[in-house]
Protein backbone atom coordinates (compact mmCIF):
# COMPACT_ATOMS: atom_id res chain seq x y z
CA MET A 1 188.90 4.06 -94.06
CA ALA A 2 192.39 4.67 -95.78
CA ALA A 3 192.85 3.43 -99.21
CA ASN A 4 194.62 0.02 -99.32
CA VAL A 5 194.18 -0.88 -103.12
CA GLY A 6 196.51 0.62 -105.65
CA GLY A 7 198.09 0.32 -109.01
CA ILE A 8 197.72 -2.89 -110.99
CA ASP A 9 195.44 -4.41 -108.33
CA LYS A 10 192.94 -1.61 -108.96
CA VAL A 11 192.98 -2.02 -112.69
CA VAL A 12 192.37 -5.85 -112.41
CA ARG A 13 189.55 -5.41 -109.89
CA ILE A 14 187.73 -2.76 -112.14
CA GLY A 15 188.30 -4.65 -115.27
CA GLY A 16 187.28 -8.14 -113.95
CA GLY A 17 184.35 -6.68 -112.17
CA ALA A 18 183.12 -4.79 -115.21
CA VAL A 19 183.47 -8.14 -117.30
CA LEU A 20 181.51 -10.03 -114.79
CA VAL A 21 178.75 -7.62 -114.40
CA GLY A 22 178.61 -7.19 -118.26
CA LEU A 23 178.20 -10.90 -118.64
CA ALA A 24 175.68 -11.21 -116.13
CA ALA A 25 173.79 -8.44 -117.69
CA ALA A 26 173.83 -9.97 -121.11
CA GLY A 27 172.63 -13.23 -119.67
CA ILE A 28 175.80 -15.04 -120.70
CA VAL A 29 176.60 -16.26 -117.28
CA GLY A 30 174.19 -17.05 -114.48
CA ALA A 31 173.23 -14.79 -111.55
CA TRP A 32 176.51 -15.43 -109.84
CA GLY A 33 178.11 -12.97 -112.32
CA TRP A 34 176.73 -10.27 -110.39
CA ILE A 35 179.34 -10.79 -107.71
CA GLY A 36 181.44 -8.72 -110.04
CA VAL A 37 179.88 -5.68 -108.29
CA VAL A 38 182.21 -6.40 -105.32
CA PRO A 39 185.70 -6.22 -107.01
CA LEU A 40 184.29 -3.45 -109.15
CA ALA A 41 183.28 -1.38 -106.14
CA THR A 42 186.50 -2.05 -104.19
CA GLY A 43 188.57 -1.08 -107.28
CA LEU A 44 186.58 2.28 -107.75
CA PHE A 45 186.69 3.26 -104.12
CA GLY A 46 190.23 2.04 -103.56
CA VAL A 47 189.31 0.17 -100.18
CA CYS A 48 189.07 -3.53 -99.71
CA PRO A 49 187.72 -4.47 -96.34
CA ALA A 50 189.29 -8.02 -96.59
CA TYR A 51 192.69 -6.36 -97.09
CA GLY A 52 192.20 -4.43 -93.99
CA LEU A 53 191.59 -7.72 -92.10
CA LEU A 54 194.67 -9.38 -93.43
CA GLY A 55 196.83 -6.51 -93.11
CA ILE A 56 197.57 -6.23 -96.89
CA ASN A 57 198.27 -2.86 -98.56
CA THR A 58 198.78 -2.46 -102.16
CA CYS A 59 198.65 1.33 -102.32
CA PRO A 60 201.82 3.08 -102.88
CA MET A 61 200.97 5.83 -100.21
CA LYS A 62 203.44 6.43 -97.51
CA LYS A 63 202.55 5.11 -94.00
CA GLN A 64 202.60 7.73 -91.24
């Protein structure tokens, strides 16, 4: 799959996901905090399946 997550979107996903996972690991939030793995992974890999389905692309790469 081609990258479709870029820039600020990537930073927000990685930061938010890391915070949620950290809070879940520390027991501060419930088990739902582990959902932070999803934005963390999409930010690290630069690919969001939902963006692909919706036709959204925040990556500054040129379309060919």
